[in-house]
Amino acid sequence: MISYIFAADENLLLGKDNDMPWYLPNDLQYFKKVTSGSTVVMGRKTFESLGRPLPKRRNIILTRDSSYKAEGCEVFHSIEDVLRATADEQETFVIGGANVFQLFHEVVEKMYITKIKETFNGDTYFPDNWPWEEWKLVEKTEGIVDEKNHYHHEFLVYERM
């Protein structure tokens, strides 16, 4: 199964200058808990913004650059190759960026979204033509605001109907 996992603000902003414009430790812990032991798929820019492979996960980079290599990662050049390589996995997480989300839109079955109840300035958004009518909210958990987590947020899980 292909799933998305990402954090976004009220306007579905994902990032700014290849980074997240917020700091929310609760979201980072949630991401780690949900994806540990699984495969994560990301675009080259997302990988380079992380700076290293994510530990305790199989890391796959999807890029058009046929000469691209990254230590500790598998590199693929088509969505079909990624789907073949992950066919036996229980759940594979697409973690971004926006172009990679767009590529997998026909095969994704589940989405884990940390919705930050604020608006930020940025340059990268979740696809605005997303068919939300095909999705059902199956889980909603309020995030805790405290001295380390300054933004109201919630953890949402959607499944394709």
C-alpha atoms as a PDB file:
ATOM      1  CA  MET A   1       0.000   0.000   0.000  1.00  0.00           C
ATOM      2  CA  ILE A   2       1.210   3.490  -0.852  1.00  0.00           C
ATOM      3  CA  SER A   3       0.606   6.168   1.783  1.00  0.00           C
ATOM      4  CA  TYR A   4       1.480   9.832   2.026  1.00  0.00           C
ATOM      5  CA  ILE A   5       2.760  11.409   5.207  1.00  0.00           C
ATOM      6  CA  PHE A   6       3.296  15.151   5.478  1.00  0.00           C
ATOM      7  CA  ALA A   7       2.692  18.268   7.546  1.00  0.00           C
ATOM      8  CA  ALA A   8       0.895  21.266   6.103  1.00  0.00           C
ATOM      9  CA  ASP A   9      -0.590  24.535   7.242  1.00  0.00           C
ATOM     10  CA  GLU A  10      -4.210  25.675   6.752  1.00  0.00           C
ATOM     11  CA  ASN A  11      -3.490  26.437   3.072  1.00  0.00           C
ATOM     12  CA  LEU A  12      -1.731  23.088   2.475  1.00  0.00           C
ATOM     13  CA  LEU A  13       1.653  24.781   2.439  1.00  0.00           C
ATOM     14  CA  LEU A  14       4.379  22.144   2.674  1.00  0.00           C
ATOM     15  CA  GLY A  15       7.535  24.212   2.754  1.00  0.00           C
ATOM     16  CA  LYS A  16       9.683  27.174   1.951  1.00  0.00           C
ATOM     17  CA  ASP A  17      13.153  27.056   0.379  1.00  0.00           C
ATOM     18  CA  ASN A  18      13.306  23.238   0.755  1.00  0.00           C
ATOM     19  CA  ASP A  19      12.561  23.420   4.473  1.00  0.00           C
ATOM     20  CA  MET A  20       9.507  23.541   6.718  1.00  0.00           C
ATOM     21  CA  PRO A  21       8.608  27.059   7.893  1.00  0.00           C
ATOM     22  CA  TRP A  22       7.640  25.739  11.335  1.00  0.00           C
ATOM     23  CA  TYR A  23       9.252  23.695  14.062  1.00  0.00           C
ATOM     24  CA  LEU A  24       6.931  21.155  15.648  1.00  0.00           C
ATOM     25  CA  PRO A  25       8.611  18.343  17.618  1.00  0.00           C
ATOM     26  CA  ASN A  26       5.268  16.509  18.007  1.00  0.00           C
ATOM     27  CA  ASP A  27       5.095  16.154  14.228  1.00  0.00           C
ATOM     28  CA  LEU A  28       8.665  14.870  14.006  1.00  0.00           C
ATOM     29  CA  GLN A  29       7.893  12.239  16.679  1.00  0.00           C
ATOM     30  CA  TYR A  30       4.684  11.245  14.875  1.00  0.00           C
ATOM     31  CA  PHE A  31       6.537  10.905  11.567  1.00  0.00           C
ATOM     32  CA  LYS A  32       9.183   8.732  13.200  1.00  0.00           C
ATOM     33  CA  LYS A  33       6.617   6.529  14.957  1.00  0.00           C
ATOM     34  CA  VAL A  34       4.532   5.987  11.810  1.00  0.00           C
ATOM     35  CA  THR A  35       7.388   5.415   9.334  1.00  0.00           C
ATOM     36  CA  SER A  36      10.038   3.554  11.374  1.00  0.00           C
ATOM     37  CA  GLY A  37      10.738   0.123   9.936  1.00  0.00           C
ATOM     38  CA  SER A  38       9.081   1.000   6.627  1.00  0.00           C
ATOM     39  CA  THR A  39      10.145   2.322   3.245  1.00  0.00           C
ATOM     40  CA  VAL A  40      10.105   6.060   2.566  1.00  0.00           C
ATOM     41  CA  VAL A  41      10.047   7.470  -0.960  1.00  0.00           C
ATOM     42  CA  MET A  42      11.128  11.031  -1.643  1.00  0.00           C
ATOM     43  CA  GLY A  43      12.300  13.312  -4.390  1.00  0.00           C
ATOM     44  CA  ARG A  44      15.903  14.400  -4.706  1.00  0.00           C
ATOM     45  CA  LYS A  45      15.284  17.878  -3.261  1.00  0.00           C
ATOM     46  CA  THR A  46      13.555  16.412  -0.217  1.00  0.00           C
ATOM     47  CA  PHE A  47      16.450  14.024   0.329  1.00  0.00           C
ATOM     48  CA  GLU A  48      19.001  16.829  -0.014  1.00  0.00           C
ATOM     49  CA  SER A  49      17.052  18.975   2.470  1.00  0.00           C
ATOM     50  CA  LEU A  50      17.250  16.090   4.980  1.00  0.00           C
ATOM     51  CA  GLY A  51      20.972  15.720   4.336  1.00  0.00           C
ATOM     52  CA  ARG A  52      21.130  11.985   5.043  1.00  0.00           C
ATOM     53  CA  PRO A  53      19.075   8.809   4.809  1.00  0.00           C
ATOM     54  CA  LEU A  54      16.437   8.472   7.499  1.00  0.00           C
ATOM     55  CA  PRO A  55      17.531   5.849  10.042  1.00  0.00           C
ATOM     56  CA  LYS A  56      15.610   2.587  10.526  1.00  0.00           C
ATOM     57  CA  ARG A  57      13.928   2.949   7.136  1.00  0.00           C
ATOM     58  CA  ARG A  58      14.533   1.847   3.581  1.00  0.00           C
ATOM     59  CA  ASN A  59      15.193   5.133   1.746  1.00  0.00           C
ATOM     60  CA  ILE A  60      14.206   5.479  -1.908  1.00  0.00           C
ATOM     61  CA  ILE A  61      14.911   8.578  -3.962  1.00  0.00           C
ATOM     62  CA  LEU A  62      12.901   9.238  -7.117  1.00  0.00           C
ATOM     63  CA  THR A  63      14.729  11.506  -9.562  1.00  0.00           C
ATOM     64  CA  ARG A  64      14.984  12.159 -13.299  1.00  0.00           C
ATOM     65  CA  ASP A  65      18.772  12.506 -12.949  1.00  0.00           C
ATOM     66  CA  SER A  66      20.051   9.145 -14.219  1.00  0.00           C
ATOM     67  CA  SER A  67      23.513   9.698 -12.722  1.00  0.00           C
ATOM     68  CA  TYR A  68      22.283  10.605  -9.220  1.00  0.00           C
ATOM     69  CA  LYS A  69      23.628   8.508  -6.355  1.00  0.00           C
ATOM     70  CA  ALA A  70      23.193   8.820  -2.606  1.00  0.00           C
ATOM     71  CA  GLU A  71      24.900   6.633  -0.041  1.00  0.00           C
ATOM     72  CA  GLY A  72      22.463   4.569   1.996  1.00  0.00           C
ATOM     73  CA  CYS A  73      19.632   5.084  -0.486  1.00  0.00           C
ATOM     74  CA  GLU A  74      18.190   3.338  -3.500  1.00  0.00           C
ATOM     75  CA  VAL A  75      17.672   5.593  -6.511  1.00  0.00           C
ATOM     76  CA  PHE A  76      14.894   5.093  -9.048  1.00  0.00           C
ATOM     77  CA  HIS A  77      13.891   7.081 -12.101  1.00  0.00           C
ATOM     78  CA  SER A  78      10.228   6.172 -12.579  1.00  0.00           C
ATOM     79  CA  ILE A  79       7.174   5.630 -10.439  1.00  0.00           C
ATOM     80  CA  GLU A  80       6.754   2.217 -12.080  1.00  0.00           C
ATOM     81  CA  ASP A  81      10.200   1.135 -10.874  1.00  0.00           C
ATOM     82  CA  VAL A  82       9.401   2.325  -7.344  1.00  0.00           C
ATOM     83  CA  LEU A  83       6.087   0.452  -7.341  1.00  0.00           C
ATOM     84  CA  ARG A  84       7.797  -2.745  -8.518  1.00  0.00           C
ATOM     85  CA  ALA A  85      10.539  -2.409  -5.894  1.00  0.00           C
ATOM     86  CA  THR A  86       8.020  -1.895  -3.074  1.00  0.00           C
ATOM     87  CA  ALA A  87       5.268  -4.272  -4.243  1.00  0.00           C
ATOM     88  CA  ASP A  88       5.832  -6.722  -1.377  1.00  0.00           C
ATOM     89  CA  GLU A  89       5.878  -4.053   1.345  1.00  0.00           C
ATOM     90  CA  GLN A  90       2.923  -3.741   3.692  1.00  0.00           C
ATOM     91  CA  GLU A  91       3.049   0.073   3.569  1.00  0.00           C
ATOM     92  CA  THR A  92       5.339   2.443   1.691  1.00  0.00           C
ATOM     93  CA  PHE A  93       5.384   6.119   2.666  1.00  0.00           C
ATOM     94  CA  VAL A  94       5.766   8.894   0.108  1.00  0.00           C
ATOM     95  CA  ILE A  95       7.190  11.815   2.095  1.00  0.00           C
ATOM     96  CA  GLY A  96       7.526  14.516  -0.581  1.00  0.00           C
ATOM     97  CA  GLY A  97       8.042  16.824  -2.205  1.00  0.00           C
ATOM     98  CA  ALA A  98       5.055  18.240  -4.000  1.00  0.00           C
ATOM     99  CA  ASN A  99       6.062  16.862  -7.420  1.00  0.00           C
ATOM    100  CA  VAL A 100       6.450  13.357  -6.003  1.00  0.00           C
ATOM    101  CA  PHE A 101       3.027  13.600  -4.343  1.00  0.00           C
ATOM    102  CA  GLN A 102       1.566  14.529  -7.728  1.00  0.00           C
ATOM    103  CA  LEU A 103       3.239  11.526  -9.397  1.00  0.00           C
ATOM    104  CA  PHE A 104       1.739   9.006  -6.956  1.00  0.00           C
ATOM    105  CA  HIS A 105      -1.755  10.540  -6.811  1.00  0.00           C
ATOM    106  CA  GLU A 106      -3.444   7.671  -8.676  1.00  0.00           C
ATOM    107  CA  VAL A 107      -2.041   4.893  -6.465  1.00  0.00           C
ATOM    108  CA  VAL A 108      -2.009   6.398  -2.966  1.00  0.00           C
ATOM    109  CA  GLU A 109      -4.503   4.710  -0.621  1.00  0.00           C
ATOM    110  CA  LYS A 110      -3.896   6.438   2.713  1.00  0.00           C
ATOM    111  CA  MET A 111      -2.698   9.840   3.951  1.00  0.00           C
ATOM    112  CA  TYR A 112      -1.256  10.802   7.326  1.00  0.00           C
ATOM    113  CA  ILE A 113      -1.435  14.583   7.613  1.00  0.00           C
ATOM    114  CA  THR A 114      -0.259  16.800  10.432  1.00  0.00           C
ATOM    115  CA  LYS A 115      -2.428  19.865   9.964  1.00  0.00           C
ATOM    116  CA  ILE A 116      -0.940  22.961  11.554  1.00  0.00           C
ATOM    117  CA  LYS A 117      -3.720  25.406  12.377  1.00  0.00           C
ATOM    118  CA  GLU A 118      -1.796  28.467  11.246  1.00  0.00           C
ATOM    119  CA  THR A 119      -0.791  30.034   7.942  1.00  0.00           C
ATOM    120  CA  PHE A 120       2.797  30.565   6.884  1.00  0.00           C
ATOM    121  CA  ASN A 121       4.635  32.034   3.925  1.00  0.00           C
ATOM    122  CA  GLY A 122       6.201  29.536   1.592  1.00  0.00           C
ATOM    123  CA  ASP A 123       6.681  28.312  -1.937  1.00  0.00           C
ATOM    124  CA  THR A 124       5.663  24.647  -2.012  1.00  0.00           C
ATOM    125  CA  TYR A 125       2.102  23.398  -1.644  1.00  0.00           C
ATOM    126  CA  PHE A 126       0.293  20.086  -1.682  1.00  0.00           C
ATOM    127  CA  PRO A 127      -1.389  19.737  -5.108  1.00  0.00           C
ATOM    128  CA  ASP A 128      -4.323  22.163  -5.269  1.00  0.00           C
ATOM    129  CA  ASN A 129      -6.279  19.937  -7.643  1.00  0.00           C
ATOM    130  CA  TRP A 130      -6.474  17.114  -5.089  1.00  0.00           C
ATOM    131  CA  PRO A 131      -9.735  15.093  -5.328  1.00  0.00           C
ATOM    132  CA  TRP A 132     -10.733  15.397  -1.642  1.00  0.00           C
ATOM    133  CA  GLU A 133     -14.181  13.991  -2.460  1.00  0.00           C
ATOM    134  CA  GLU A 134     -12.495  10.583  -2.950  1.00  0.00           C
ATOM    135  CA  TRP A 135     -11.156  10.559   0.612  1.00  0.00           C
ATOM    136  CA  LYS A 136     -12.670   9.799   4.002  1.00  0.00           C
ATOM    137  CA  LEU A 137     -11.314  11.044   7.338  1.00  0.00           C
ATOM    138  CA  VAL A 138     -10.881   7.935   9.514  1.00  0.00           C
ATOM    139  CA  GLU A 139      -8.872   9.298  12.435  1.00  0.00           C
ATOM    140  CA  LYS A 140      -8.380  12.707  14.051  1.00  0.00           C
ATOM    141  CA  THR A 141      -6.200  13.375  17.092  1.00  0.00           C
ATOM    142  CA  GLU A 142      -5.551  16.803  18.585  1.00  0.00           C
ATOM    143  CA  GLY A 143      -1.892  17.634  19.061  1.00  0.00           C
ATOM    144  CA  ILE A 144      -0.654  18.990  22.373  1.00  0.00           C
ATOM    145  CA  VAL A 145       0.485  22.607  22.519  1.00  0.00           C
ATOM    146  CA  ASP A 146       3.230  23.177  25.081  1.00  0.00           C
ATOM    147  CA  GLU A 147       6.527  25.001  25.566  1.00  0.00           C
ATOM    148  CA  LYS A 148       8.137  23.025  22.707  1.00  0.00           C
ATOM    149  CA  ASN A 149       5.129  22.785  20.371  1.00  0.00           C
ATOM    150  CA  HIS A 150       3.866  26.324  19.862  1.00  0.00           C
ATOM    151  CA  TYR A 151       1.272  25.718  17.136  1.00  0.00           C
ATOM    152  CA  HIS A 152      -2.178  24.216  17.422  1.00  0.00           C
ATOM    153  CA  HIS A 153      -2.176  21.089  15.276  1.00  0.00           C
ATOM    154  CA  GLU A 154      -3.978  17.835  14.657  1.00  0.00           C
ATOM    155  CA  PHE A 155      -3.040  14.463  13.249  1.00  0.00           C
ATOM    156  CA  LEU A 156      -5.411  13.351  10.499  1.00  0.00           C
ATOM    157  CA  VAL A 157      -5.607  10.003   8.728  1.00  0.00           C
ATOM    158  CA  TYR A 158      -7.527   9.733   5.459  1.00  0.00           C
ATOM    159  CA  GLU A 159      -8.319   6.648   3.413  1.00  0.00           C
ATOM    160  CA  ARG A 160      -9.355   6.551  -0.211  1.00  0.00           C
ATOM    161  CA  MET A 161     -13.007   5.545  -0.540  1.00  0.00           C
END
